[in-house]
């Protein structure tokens, strides 16, 4: 793969990762609510999703979903239902003292990773975005086969996404350390998280 082509893709990927969107907004909210460590765990899950989408693009499944309204609707409804279930859980979460919340949620690291992964995997718009973006950086006359180039692009996207999202989580964690004593902050963040998840679900269905 042409190094300049790869650098161009990496630069575009970094800009996309830092753009305000559902993933980074939810990551920011979760990191403020639970701390940098939990935010980084969520970031790892969100950044793992592109590996799945890249594989589907390489296998041609993404093109099938793009041209199959039934498959697209099924994946969309599954993703929206999962997000609404998470939203309901956030609204029902008790307003635990914020200073203890990170410790309380620490054992759920695996669950939080799976949450980030499923949020990304069950979003068909991410899949179609990859289908539109990745082929533009594949050189048909390159030294590597197209599938190998897609694998390199997918791995690059996942690694940079994890680094960018982790930076956001760390910054949010620093802010969190300064607001531990704010009254009702835990309850407010529960409501913000639930509202944001519901908004992402609505975006899947109607945008």
C-alpha atoms as a PDB file:
ATOM      1  CA  UNK A   1       0.000   0.000   0.000  1.00  0.00           C
ATOM      2  CA  UNK A   2       1.212   3.472  -0.922  1.00  0.00           C
ATOM      3  CA  UNK A   3       2.441   5.173   2.318  1.00  0.00           C
ATOM      4  CA  UNK A   4       1.018   8.532   1.226  1.00  0.00           C
ATOM      5  CA  UNK A   5      -2.354   6.915   0.605  1.00  0.00           C
ATOM      6  CA  UNK A   6      -2.232   5.321   4.052  1.00  0.00           C
ATOM      7  CA  UNK A   7      -1.285   8.611   5.704  1.00  0.00           C
ATOM      8  CA  UNK A   8      -4.159  10.356   3.940  1.00  0.00           C
ATOM      9  CA  UNK A   9      -6.558   7.694   5.191  1.00  0.00           C
ATOM     10  CA  UNK A  10      -5.174   7.953   8.730  1.00  0.00           C
ATOM     11  CA  UNK A  11      -5.570  11.727   8.768  1.00  0.00           C
ATOM     12  CA  UNK A  12      -9.145  11.442   7.538  1.00  0.00           C
ATOM     13  CA  UNK A  13      -9.900   8.753  10.131  1.00  0.00           C
ATOM     14  CA  UNK A  14      -8.550  10.880  12.999  1.00  0.00           C
ATOM     15  CA  UNK A  15     -10.670  13.827  11.922  1.00  0.00           C
ATOM     16  CA  UNK A  16     -13.733  11.590  11.712  1.00  0.00           C
ATOM     17  CA  UNK A  17     -13.066  10.136  15.166  1.00  0.00           C
ATOM     18  CA  UNK A  18     -12.932  13.574  16.787  1.00  0.00           C
ATOM     19  CA  UNK A  19     -16.017  14.873  14.995  1.00  0.00           C
ATOM     20  CA  UNK A  20     -19.013  15.259  17.325  1.00  0.00           C
ATOM     21  CA  UNK A  21     -21.185  12.216  16.844  1.00  0.00           C
ATOM     22  CA  UNK A  22     -23.132   9.578  18.771  1.00  0.00           C
ATOM     23  CA  UNK A  23     -20.102   7.469  19.733  1.00  0.00           C
ATOM     24  CA  UNK A  24     -17.934  10.265  21.066  1.00  0.00           C
ATOM     25  CA  UNK A  25     -20.836  12.019  22.809  1.00  0.00           C
ATOM     26  CA  UNK A  26     -21.824   8.836  24.607  1.00  0.00           C
ATOM     27  CA  UNK A  27     -18.189   8.151  25.469  1.00  0.00           C
ATOM     28  CA  UNK A  28     -17.864  11.642  26.928  1.00  0.00           C
ATOM     29  CA  UNK A  29     -21.024  11.200  28.988  1.00  0.00           C
ATOM     30  CA  UNK A  30     -19.983   7.792  30.285  1.00  0.00           C
ATOM     31  CA  UNK A  31     -16.494   9.005  31.194  1.00  0.00           C
ATOM     32  CA  UNK A  32     -17.929  11.941  33.120  1.00  0.00           C
ATOM     33  CA  UNK A  33     -20.301   9.585  34.876  1.00  0.00           C
ATOM     34  CA  UNK A  34     -17.945   6.703  35.667  1.00  0.00           C
ATOM     35  CA  UNK A  35     -14.376   7.918  35.206  1.00  0.00           C
ATOM     36  CA  UNK A  36     -11.574   7.585  32.674  1.00  0.00           C
ATOM     37  CA  UNK A  37     -10.971   3.874  33.273  1.00  0.00           C
ATOM     38  CA  UNK A  38     -14.530   2.937  32.370  1.00  0.00           C
ATOM     39  CA  UNK A  39     -14.433   5.381  29.464  1.00  0.00           C
ATOM     40  CA  UNK A  40     -11.338   3.707  28.038  1.00  0.00           C
ATOM     41  CA  UNK A  41     -13.036   0.315  28.360  1.00  0.00           C
ATOM     42  CA  UNK A  42     -16.002   1.664  26.411  1.00  0.00           C
ATOM     43  CA  UNK A  43     -13.581   3.178  23.883  1.00  0.00           C
ATOM     44  CA  UNK A  44     -12.028  -0.251  23.313  1.00  0.00           C
ATOM     45  CA  UNK A  45     -15.461  -1.684  22.523  1.00  0.00           C
ATOM     46  CA  UNK A  46     -16.381   1.159  20.181  1.00  0.00           C
ATOM     47  CA  UNK A  47     -13.012   0.879  18.426  1.00  0.00           C
ATOM     48  CA  UNK A  48     -13.401  -2.881  17.939  1.00  0.00           C
ATOM     49  CA  UNK A  49     -16.551  -2.485  15.861  1.00  0.00           C
ATOM     50  CA  UNK A  50     -14.710  -1.292  12.726  1.00  0.00           C
ATOM     51  CA  UNK A  51     -12.927  -4.662  12.549  1.00  0.00           C
ATOM     52  CA  UNK A  52     -16.329  -6.310  12.097  1.00  0.00           C
ATOM     53  CA  UNK A  53     -17.505  -3.739   9.553  1.00  0.00           C
ATOM     54  CA  UNK A  54     -14.259  -4.006   7.586  1.00  0.00           C
ATOM     55  CA  UNK A  55     -14.680  -7.775   7.355  1.00  0.00           C
ATOM     56  CA  UNK A  56     -18.225  -7.325   6.039  1.00  0.00           C
ATOM     57  CA  UNK A  57     -17.018  -4.836   3.437  1.00  0.00           C
ATOM     58  CA  UNK A  58     -14.285  -7.249   2.319  1.00  0.00           C
ATOM     59  CA  UNK A  59     -16.738 -10.143   2.116  1.00  0.00           C
ATOM     60  CA  UNK A  60     -19.296  -8.141   0.173  1.00  0.00           C
ATOM     61  CA  UNK A  61     -21.917  -8.356   2.922  1.00  0.00           C
ATOM     62  CA  UNK A  62     -22.030  -4.570   3.213  1.00  0.00           C
ATOM     63  CA  UNK A  63     -23.048  -4.278  -0.429  1.00  0.00           C
ATOM     64  CA  UNK A  64     -25.796  -6.844   0.187  1.00  0.00           C
ATOM     65  CA  UNK A  65     -27.135  -4.849   3.149  1.00  0.00           C
ATOM     66  CA  UNK A  66     -27.000  -1.676   1.085  1.00  0.00           C
ATOM     67  CA  UNK A  67     -29.177  -3.217  -1.622  1.00  0.00           C
ATOM     68  CA  UNK A  68     -31.451  -5.214   0.667  1.00  0.00           C
ATOM     69  CA  UNK A  69     -34.032  -2.993   2.405  1.00  0.00           C
ATOM     70  CA  UNK A  70     -35.153  -5.908   4.590  1.00  0.00           C
ATOM     71  CA  UNK A  71     -31.635  -6.607   5.862  1.00  0.00           C
ATOM     72  CA  UNK A  72     -31.006  -2.916   6.485  1.00  0.00           C
ATOM     73  CA  UNK A  73     -34.278  -2.495   8.396  1.00  0.00           C
ATOM     74  CA  UNK A  74     -33.619  -5.615  10.477  1.00  0.00           C
ATOM     75  CA  UNK A  75     -30.184  -4.412  11.529  1.00  0.00           C
ATOM     76  CA  UNK A  76     -31.529  -0.903  12.169  1.00  0.00           C
ATOM     77  CA  UNK A  77     -34.374  -2.132  14.388  1.00  0.00           C
ATOM     78  CA  UNK A  78     -32.012  -4.436  16.297  1.00  0.00           C
ATOM     79  CA  UNK A  79     -29.607  -1.571  16.941  1.00  0.00           C
ATOM     80  CA  UNK A  80     -32.357   0.837  17.977  1.00  0.00           C
ATOM     81  CA  UNK A  81     -33.944  -1.731  20.302  1.00  0.00           C
ATOM     82  CA  UNK A  82     -30.610  -2.369  22.001  1.00  0.00           C
ATOM     83  CA  UNK A  83     -29.994   1.358  22.505  1.00  0.00           C
ATOM     84  CA  UNK A  84     -33.498   1.891  23.908  1.00  0.00           C
ATOM     85  CA  UNK A  85     -32.932  -0.976  26.340  1.00  0.00           C
ATOM     86  CA  UNK A  86     -29.704   0.693  27.505  1.00  0.00           C
ATOM     87  CA  UNK A  87     -31.533   4.016  27.759  1.00  0.00           C
ATOM     88  CA  UNK A  88     -34.234   2.491  29.953  1.00  0.00           C
ATOM     89  CA  UNK A  89     -31.563   1.023  32.211  1.00  0.00           C
ATOM     90  CA  UNK A  90     -29.861   4.421  32.537  1.00  0.00           C
ATOM     91  CA  UNK A  91     -33.108   6.153  33.496  1.00  0.00           C
ATOM     92  CA  UNK A  92     -33.806   3.492  36.118  1.00  0.00           C
ATOM     93  CA  UNK A  93     -30.278   3.558  37.581  1.00  0.00           C
ATOM     94  CA  UNK A  94     -30.173   4.784  41.195  1.00  0.00           C
ATOM     95  CA  UNK A  95     -28.502   8.086  41.972  1.00  0.00           C
ATOM     96  CA  UNK A  96     -25.475   6.592  43.733  1.00  0.00           C
ATOM     97  CA  UNK A  97     -22.866   8.978  45.147  1.00  0.00           C
ATOM     98  CA  UNK A  98     -20.607   9.955  42.265  1.00  0.00           C
ATOM     99  CA  UNK A  99     -17.455   9.426  44.316  1.00  0.00           C
ATOM    100  CA  UNK A 100     -18.331   5.753  44.628  1.00  0.00           C
ATOM    101  CA  UNK A 101     -19.767   5.190  41.170  1.00  0.00           C
ATOM    102  CA  UNK A 102     -16.494   4.263  39.449  1.00  0.00           C
ATOM    103  CA  UNK A 103     -15.776   1.598  42.074  1.00  0.00           C
ATOM    104  CA  UNK A 104     -19.313   0.318  41.833  1.00  0.00           C
ATOM    105  CA  UNK A 105     -19.109  -0.067  38.061  1.00  0.00           C
ATOM    106  CA  UNK A 106     -15.526  -1.384  37.887  1.00  0.00           C
ATOM    107  CA  UNK A 107     -16.473  -5.107  37.799  1.00  0.00           C
ATOM    108  CA  UNK A 108     -18.629  -4.456  34.729  1.00  0.00           C
ATOM    109  CA  UNK A 109     -15.657  -3.769  32.459  1.00  0.00           C
ATOM    110  CA  UNK A 110     -16.430  -6.715  30.186  1.00  0.00           C
ATOM    111  CA  UNK A 111     -20.053  -5.678  29.976  1.00  0.00           C
ATOM    112  CA  UNK A 112     -19.080  -2.115  29.118  1.00  0.00           C
ATOM    113  CA  UNK A 113     -16.713  -3.332  26.393  1.00  0.00           C
ATOM    114  CA  UNK A 114     -19.522  -5.437  24.889  1.00  0.00           C
ATOM    115  CA  UNK A 115     -21.837  -2.434  25.075  1.00  0.00           C
ATOM    116  CA  UNK A 116     -19.460  -0.328  22.991  1.00  0.00           C
ATOM    117  CA  UNK A 117     -18.890  -3.159  20.547  1.00  0.00           C
ATOM    118  CA  UNK A 118     -22.601  -3.837  20.026  1.00  0.00           C
ATOM    119  CA  UNK A 119     -23.420  -0.138  19.695  1.00  0.00           C
ATOM    120  CA  UNK A 120     -21.021   0.021  16.759  1.00  0.00           C
ATOM    121  CA  UNK A 121     -21.737  -3.376  15.211  1.00  0.00           C
ATOM    122  CA  UNK A 122     -25.522  -2.921  15.268  1.00  0.00           C
ATOM    123  CA  UNK A 123     -25.372   0.447  13.509  1.00  0.00           C
ATOM    124  CA  UNK A 124     -25.931  -0.194   9.773  1.00  0.00           C
ATOM    125  CA  UNK A 125     -25.061   3.411   8.957  1.00  0.00           C
ATOM    126  CA  UNK A 126     -21.492   2.792  10.116  1.00  0.00           C
ATOM    127  CA  UNK A 127     -21.343  -0.256   7.849  1.00  0.00           C
ATOM    128  CA  UNK A 128     -22.542   1.719   4.823  1.00  0.00           C
ATOM    129  CA  UNK A 129     -20.156   4.550   5.673  1.00  0.00           C
ATOM    130  CA  UNK A 130     -17.258   2.111   5.597  1.00  0.00           C
ATOM    131  CA  UNK A 131     -18.521   0.732   2.306  1.00  0.00           C
ATOM    132  CA  UNK A 132     -18.391   4.241   0.848  1.00  0.00           C
ATOM    133  CA  UNK A 133     -15.081   5.308   2.432  1.00  0.00           C
ATOM    134  CA  UNK A 134     -12.704   2.360   2.302  1.00  0.00           C
ATOM    135  CA  UNK A 135     -12.750   1.567  -1.444  1.00  0.00           C
ATOM    136  CA  UNK A 136     -11.547   5.113  -2.144  1.00  0.00           C
ATOM    137  CA  UNK A 137      -8.229   4.249  -0.489  1.00  0.00           C
ATOM    138  CA  UNK A 138      -7.759   0.834  -2.091  1.00  0.00           C
ATOM    139  CA  UNK A 139      -5.290   0.773  -4.969  1.00  0.00           C
ATOM    140  CA  UNK A 140      -6.328  -1.934  -7.475  1.00  0.00           C
ATOM    141  CA  UNK A 141      -2.784  -1.917  -8.871  1.00  0.00           C
ATOM    142  CA  UNK A 142      -1.100  -1.969  -5.469  1.00  0.00           C
ATOM    143  CA  UNK A 143       1.387  -4.544  -4.259  1.00  0.00           C
ATOM    144  CA  UNK A 144      -1.176  -5.951  -1.787  1.00  0.00           C
ATOM    145  CA  UNK A 145      -4.455  -7.627  -2.750  1.00  0.00           C
ATOM    146  CA  UNK A 146      -7.575  -5.518  -2.206  1.00  0.00           C
ATOM    147  CA  UNK A 147      -8.661  -7.665   0.754  1.00  0.00           C
ATOM    148  CA  UNK A 148      -5.281  -7.165   2.451  1.00  0.00           C
ATOM    149  CA  UNK A 149      -5.467  -3.411   1.870  1.00  0.00           C
ATOM    150  CA  UNK A 150      -8.934  -3.363   3.441  1.00  0.00           C
ATOM    151  CA  UNK A 151      -7.558  -5.254   6.434  1.00  0.00           C
ATOM    152  CA  UNK A 152      -4.789  -2.666   6.861  1.00  0.00           C
ATOM    153  CA  UNK A 153      -7.307   0.170   6.617  1.00  0.00           C
ATOM    154  CA  UNK A 154      -9.645  -1.491   9.105  1.00  0.00           C
ATOM    155  CA  UNK A 155      -6.867  -2.099  11.618  1.00  0.00           C
ATOM    156  CA  UNK A 156      -5.639   1.472  11.192  1.00  0.00           C
ATOM    157  CA  UNK A 157      -9.118   2.852  11.773  1.00  0.00           C
ATOM    158  CA  UNK A 158      -9.619   0.764  14.917  1.00  0.00           C
ATOM    159  CA  UNK A 159      -6.243   1.674  16.438  1.00  0.00           C
ATOM    160  CA  UNK A 160      -6.578   5.400  15.834  1.00  0.00           C
ATOM    161  CA  UNK A 161     -10.188   5.357  17.050  1.00  0.00           C
ATOM    162  CA  UNK A 162      -9.115   3.715  20.305  1.00  0.00           C
ATOM    163  CA  UNK A 163      -6.345   6.269  20.817  1.00  0.00           C
ATOM    164  CA  UNK A 164      -8.603   9.228  20.024  1.00  0.00           C
ATOM    165  CA  UNK A 165     -11.475   7.950  22.154  1.00  0.00           C
ATOM    166  CA  UNK A 166      -9.120   7.139  25.030  1.00  0.00           C
ATOM    167  CA  UNK A 167      -7.821  10.698  24.948  1.00  0.00           C
ATOM    168  CA  UNK A 168     -11.399  11.963  25.213  1.00  0.00           C
ATOM    169  CA  UNK A 169     -12.044   9.576  28.117  1.00  0.00           C
ATOM    170  CA  UNK A 170      -8.921  10.731  29.955  1.00  0.00           C
ATOM    171  CA  UNK A 171      -9.828  14.397  29.553  1.00  0.00           C
ATOM    172  CA  UNK A 172     -13.383  13.738  30.735  1.00  0.00           C
ATOM    173  CA  UNK A 173     -11.997  11.793  33.692  1.00  0.00           C
ATOM    174  CA  UNK A 174      -9.908  14.811  34.701  1.00  0.00           C
ATOM    175  CA  UNK A 175     -13.006  16.993  34.596  1.00  0.00           C
ATOM    176  CA  UNK A 176     -14.908  14.403  36.622  1.00  0.00           C
ATOM    177  CA  UNK A 177     -12.308  14.537  39.391  1.00  0.00           C
ATOM    178  CA  UNK A 178     -13.114  18.227  39.821  1.00  0.00           C
ATOM    179  CA  UNK A 179     -16.904  17.806  40.079  1.00  0.00           C
ATOM    180  CA  UNK A 180     -17.248  14.828  42.393  1.00  0.00           C
ATOM    181  CA  UNK A 181     -18.865  16.970  45.064  1.00  0.00           C
ATOM    182  CA  UNK A 182     -21.575  18.561  42.928  1.00  0.00           C
ATOM    183  CA  UNK A 183     -25.019  17.862  44.325  1.00  0.00           C
ATOM    184  CA  UNK A 184     -27.263  15.560  42.236  1.00  0.00           C
ATOM    185  CA  UNK A 185     -24.594  15.200  39.541  1.00  0.00           C
ATOM    186  CA  UNK A 186     -24.957  11.422  39.504  1.00  0.00           C
ATOM    187  CA  UNK A 187     -28.709  11.675  38.915  1.00  0.00           C
ATOM    188  CA  UNK A 188     -28.224  14.300  36.220  1.00  0.00           C
ATOM    189  CA  UNK A 189     -25.669  12.145  34.384  1.00  0.00           C
ATOM    190  CA  UNK A 190     -28.020   9.150  34.537  1.00  0.00           C
ATOM    191  CA  UNK A 191     -30.688  11.255  32.836  1.00  0.00           C
ATOM    192  CA  UNK A 192     -28.222  12.650  30.295  1.00  0.00           C
ATOM    193  CA  UNK A 193     -26.969   9.149  29.431  1.00  0.00           C
ATOM    194  CA  UNK A 194     -30.511   7.796  29.046  1.00  0.00           C
ATOM    195  CA  UNK A 195     -31.584  10.740  26.891  1.00  0.00           C
ATOM    196  CA  UNK A 196     -28.502  10.489  24.688  1.00  0.00           C
ATOM    197  CA  UNK A 197     -28.988   6.751  24.111  1.00  0.00           C
ATOM    198  CA  UNK A 198     -32.636   7.329  23.202  1.00  0.00           C
ATOM    199  CA  UNK A 199     -31.588  10.106  20.819  1.00  0.00           C
ATOM    200  CA  UNK A 200     -29.049   7.811  19.120  1.00  0.00           C
ATOM    201  CA  UNK A 201     -31.767   5.165  18.734  1.00  0.00           C
ATOM    202  CA  UNK A 202     -34.084   7.766  17.178  1.00  0.00           C
ATOM    203  CA  UNK A 203     -31.291   8.807  14.850  1.00  0.00           C
ATOM    204  CA  UNK A 204     -30.917   5.220  13.681  1.00  0.00           C
ATOM    205  CA  UNK A 205     -34.620   4.968  12.907  1.00  0.00           C
ATOM    206  CA  UNK A 206     -35.427   8.362  11.428  1.00  0.00           C
ATOM    207  CA  UNK A 207     -32.226   9.970  10.078  1.00  0.00           C
END
